Every structure is written in structure tokens, then in C-alpha cells.
Amino acid sequence: MYHITPIKHKDKIEKIGLVPKSLSKISYHPERIYFTTDENEVIKLSPKLNKNGDDKENILYQIDIKNLIRY
């Protein structure tokens, strides 16, 4: 799976991991983290994450879910 985020969050993610957040601006949204299984889709999203459209300001995480435990 893949997760993309602005690079400014890199240190915090690498320290405490991916933590759901709610960045409600217009209306309430439950805390969440977005993932995709399609690397091409996450790359298309990259320029939309920054005001200036620069995808070089983002970091792409690839998450290995092979050993993920289901409950």
C-alpha cells in the first residue's frame, strides 16, 4: 500500500508513525489516513497536496502489509 504526504511531516511520521488526523476546514470529518494500492494513483495526487503544485515537496511511503494482523 502507499501513502503520500507533504515532506514537512516526515520527521514526525518517522518518529511516531502514521496517526489519523482530522484537518476539518469546512465541515467535520472523522480522523483518517488515506492509502491506495495503486502507486500511479498516488503519484497523480502528489501535485495536489501542495499549494504551489510542486510534487517534489512530498514523500511517498510504501507500506508492507503482508504481515498485517486482522481482527
N, C-alpha and C. Protein backbone atom coordinates (compact mmCIF):
# COMPACT_ATOMS: atom_id res chain seq x y z
N MET A 1 0.85 -1.17 0.00
CA MET A 1 0.00 0.00 0.00
C MET A 1 0.89 1.23 0.00
N TYR A 2 0.31 2.35 -0.40
CA TYR A 2 1.06 3.61 -0.49
C TYR A 2 0.35 4.72 0.26
N HIS A 3 1.17 5.61 0.80
CA HIS A 3 0.68 6.81 1.47
C HIS A 3 1.60 7.95 1.06
N ILE A 4 1.01 9.07 0.68
CA ILE A 4 1.82 10.24 0.31
C ILE A 4 1.44 11.41 1.21
N THR A 5 2.45 12.20 1.56
CA THR A 5 2.22 13.33 2.45
C THR A 5 3.26 14.40 2.18
N PRO A 6 2.97 15.65 2.52
CA PRO A 6 4.00 16.68 2.39
C PRO A 6 5.23 16.31 3.22
N ILE A 7 6.40 16.58 2.67
CA ILE A 7 7.66 16.18 3.32
C ILE A 7 7.85 16.84 4.69
N LYS A 8 7.14 17.93 4.95
CA LYS A 8 7.26 18.58 6.26
C LYS A 8 6.80 17.67 7.40
N HIS A 9 6.04 16.60 7.10
CA HIS A 9 5.58 15.66 8.13
C HIS A 9 6.50 14.46 8.32
N LYS A 10 7.57 14.38 7.53
CA LYS A 10 8.46 13.22 7.51
C LYS A 10 9.02 12.88 8.89
N ASP A 11 9.61 13.85 9.57
CA ASP A 11 10.23 13.57 10.87
C ASP A 11 9.23 13.05 11.89
N LYS A 12 8.05 13.66 11.93
CA LYS A 12 7.03 13.23 12.89
C LYS A 12 6.54 11.82 12.58
N ILE A 13 6.30 11.54 11.29
CA ILE A 13 5.84 10.20 10.90
C ILE A 13 6.89 9.16 11.25
N GLU A 14 8.15 9.47 10.98
CA GLU A 14 9.20 8.50 11.26
C GLU A 14 9.46 8.34 12.75
N LYS A 15 9.01 9.30 13.55
CA LYS A 15 9.17 9.20 14.99
C LYS A 15 8.00 8.44 15.63
N ILE A 16 6.74 8.77 15.26
CA ILE A 16 5.59 8.16 15.93
C ILE A 16 4.71 7.31 15.01
N GLY A 17 5.02 7.30 13.72
CA GLY A 17 4.23 6.51 12.79
C GLY A 17 3.09 7.32 12.19
N LEU A 18 2.30 6.65 11.36
CA LEU A 18 1.14 7.30 10.75
C LEU A 18 0.00 7.32 11.76
N VAL A 19 -0.49 8.50 12.06
CA VAL A 19 -1.54 8.68 13.05
C VAL A 19 -2.71 9.39 12.38
N PRO A 20 -3.93 8.84 12.52
CA PRO A 20 -5.08 9.50 11.89
C PRO A 20 -5.27 10.93 12.39
N LYS A 21 -5.58 11.82 11.48
CA LYS A 21 -5.81 13.23 11.80
C LYS A 21 -7.08 13.70 11.11
N SER A 22 -7.70 14.71 11.67
CA SER A 22 -8.84 15.35 11.05
C SER A 22 -8.48 16.81 10.83
N LEU A 23 -8.27 17.17 9.59
CA LEU A 23 -7.95 18.55 9.26
C LEU A 23 -9.20 19.23 8.70
N SER A 24 -10.23 19.27 9.51
CA SER A 24 -11.50 19.84 9.07
C SER A 24 -11.34 21.32 8.78
N LYS A 25 -11.72 21.72 7.60
CA LYS A 25 -11.65 23.12 7.23
C LYS A 25 -13.04 23.70 7.02
N ILE A 26 -13.90 22.94 6.39
CA ILE A 26 -15.26 23.42 6.11
C ILE A 26 -16.28 22.67 6.95
N SER A 27 -16.09 21.38 7.09
CA SER A 27 -17.02 20.58 7.87
C SER A 27 -16.25 19.51 8.64
N TYR A 28 -16.93 18.86 9.57
CA TYR A 28 -16.29 17.82 10.39
C TYR A 28 -16.05 16.56 9.56
N HIS A 29 -14.87 15.98 9.73
CA HIS A 29 -14.53 14.69 9.13
C HIS A 29 -13.91 13.82 10.22
N PRO A 30 -14.24 12.54 10.23
CA PRO A 30 -13.58 11.65 11.21
C PRO A 30 -12.08 11.60 10.94
N GLU A 31 -11.32 11.29 11.99
CA GLU A 31 -9.88 11.14 11.82
C GLU A 31 -9.62 10.03 10.82
N ARG A 32 -8.62 10.22 9.95
CA ARG A 32 -8.39 9.24 8.90
C ARG A 32 -6.97 9.34 8.36
N ILE A 33 -6.57 8.27 7.68
CA ILE A 33 -5.33 8.22 6.91
C ILE A 33 -5.72 7.64 5.56
N TYR A 34 -5.25 8.25 4.49
CA TYR A 34 -5.56 7.75 3.15
C TYR A 34 -4.43 6.87 2.64
N PHE A 35 -4.83 5.72 2.10
CA PHE A 35 -3.90 4.78 1.47
C PHE A 35 -4.45 4.40 0.11
N THR A 36 -3.58 3.88 -0.75
CA THR A 36 -4.01 3.31 -2.02
C THR A 36 -3.12 2.12 -2.33
N THR A 37 -3.64 1.24 -3.16
CA THR A 37 -2.85 0.10 -3.60
C THR A 37 -2.22 0.36 -4.96
N ASP A 38 -2.53 1.51 -5.54
CA ASP A 38 -2.08 1.83 -6.89
C ASP A 38 -1.06 2.98 -6.84
N GLU A 39 0.20 2.65 -7.06
CA GLU A 39 1.26 3.66 -6.99
C GLU A 39 1.03 4.79 -7.99
N ASN A 40 0.52 4.49 -9.17
CA ASN A 40 0.27 5.53 -10.17
C ASN A 40 -0.78 6.53 -9.70
N GLU A 41 -1.81 6.07 -8.99
CA GLU A 41 -2.84 6.98 -8.48
C GLU A 41 -2.28 7.92 -7.43
N VAL A 42 -1.43 7.42 -6.55
CA VAL A 42 -0.87 8.28 -5.51
C VAL A 42 0.10 9.29 -6.13
N ILE A 43 0.79 8.92 -7.18
CA ILE A 43 1.69 9.86 -7.86
C ILE A 43 0.89 10.97 -8.54
N LYS A 44 -0.28 10.64 -9.08
CA LYS A 44 -1.15 11.67 -9.67
C LYS A 44 -1.64 12.66 -8.62
N LEU A 45 -1.85 12.18 -7.41
CA LEU A 45 -2.34 13.03 -6.32
C LEU A 45 -1.26 13.98 -5.81
N SER A 46 -0.01 13.62 -5.96
CA SER A 46 1.11 14.35 -5.39
C SER A 46 1.08 15.86 -5.61
N PRO A 47 0.91 16.36 -6.85
CA PRO A 47 0.93 17.82 -7.04
C PRO A 47 -0.23 18.54 -6.35
N LYS A 48 -1.30 17.84 -6.04
CA LYS A 48 -2.47 18.47 -5.40
C LYS A 48 -2.29 18.69 -3.91
N LEU A 49 -1.25 18.11 -3.32
CA LEU A 49 -1.04 18.22 -1.88
C LEU A 49 -0.39 19.54 -1.47
N ASN A 50 0.18 20.25 -2.41
CA ASN A 50 0.88 21.49 -2.09
C ASN A 50 0.27 22.66 -2.86
N LYS A 51 0.24 23.80 -2.22
CA LYS A 51 -0.36 24.99 -2.83
C LYS A 51 0.29 25.36 -4.16
N ASN A 52 1.60 25.14 -4.26
CA ASN A 52 2.30 25.53 -5.49
C ASN A 52 2.34 24.40 -6.52
N GLY A 53 1.74 23.23 -6.19
CA GLY A 53 1.69 22.12 -7.14
C GLY A 53 3.00 21.40 -7.34
N ASP A 54 3.96 21.63 -6.44
CA ASP A 54 5.28 21.01 -6.57
C ASP A 54 5.29 19.64 -5.90
N ASP A 55 5.35 18.59 -6.70
CA ASP A 55 5.34 17.25 -6.11
C ASP A 55 6.67 16.87 -5.49
N LYS A 56 7.70 17.68 -5.64
CA LYS A 56 9.00 17.40 -5.02
C LYS A 56 8.96 17.70 -3.51
N GLU A 57 7.89 18.33 -3.06
CA GLU A 57 7.74 18.65 -1.64
C GLU A 57 7.01 17.55 -0.88
N ASN A 58 6.80 16.39 -1.51
CA ASN A 58 6.08 15.28 -0.91
C ASN A 58 6.98 14.08 -0.72
N ILE A 59 6.56 13.20 0.18
CA ILE A 59 7.27 11.94 0.39
C ILE A 59 6.26 10.81 0.23
N LEU A 60 6.68 9.78 -0.46
CA LEU A 60 5.83 8.62 -0.72
C LEU A 60 6.30 7.47 0.17
N TYR A 61 5.37 6.93 0.95
CA TYR A 61 5.67 5.77 1.78
C TYR A 61 5.04 4.54 1.15
N GLN A 62 5.81 3.47 1.10
CA GLN A 62 5.29 2.17 0.67
C GLN A 62 5.17 1.33 1.92
N ILE A 63 3.97 0.84 2.20
CA ILE A 63 3.71 0.10 3.43
C ILE A 63 3.54 -1.38 3.09
N ASP A 64 4.36 -2.20 3.73
CA ASP A 64 4.29 -3.65 3.54
C ASP A 64 3.18 -4.20 4.45
N ILE A 65 2.14 -4.74 3.86
CA ILE A 65 1.00 -5.23 4.64
C ILE A 65 0.95 -6.76 4.69
N LYS A 66 2.00 -7.43 4.24
CA LYS A 66 2.00 -8.90 4.22
C LYS A 66 1.80 -9.49 5.61
N ASN A 67 2.35 -8.86 6.62
CA ASN A 67 2.25 -9.40 7.99
C ASN A 67 1.22 -8.67 8.85
N LEU A 68 0.33 -7.94 8.20
CA LEU A 68 -0.71 -7.21 8.91
C LEU A 68 -1.66 -8.20 9.59
N ILE A 69 -2.00 -7.95 10.81
CA ILE A 69 -2.89 -8.85 11.56
C ILE A 69 -4.33 -8.35 11.43
N ARG A 70 -5.22 -9.24 11.07
CA ARG A 70 -6.65 -8.89 11.00
C ARG A 70 -7.35 -9.35 12.26
N TYR A 71 -8.29 -8.55 12.71
CA TYR A 71 -9.09 -8.89 13.91
C TYR A 71 -10.52 -9.05 13.51
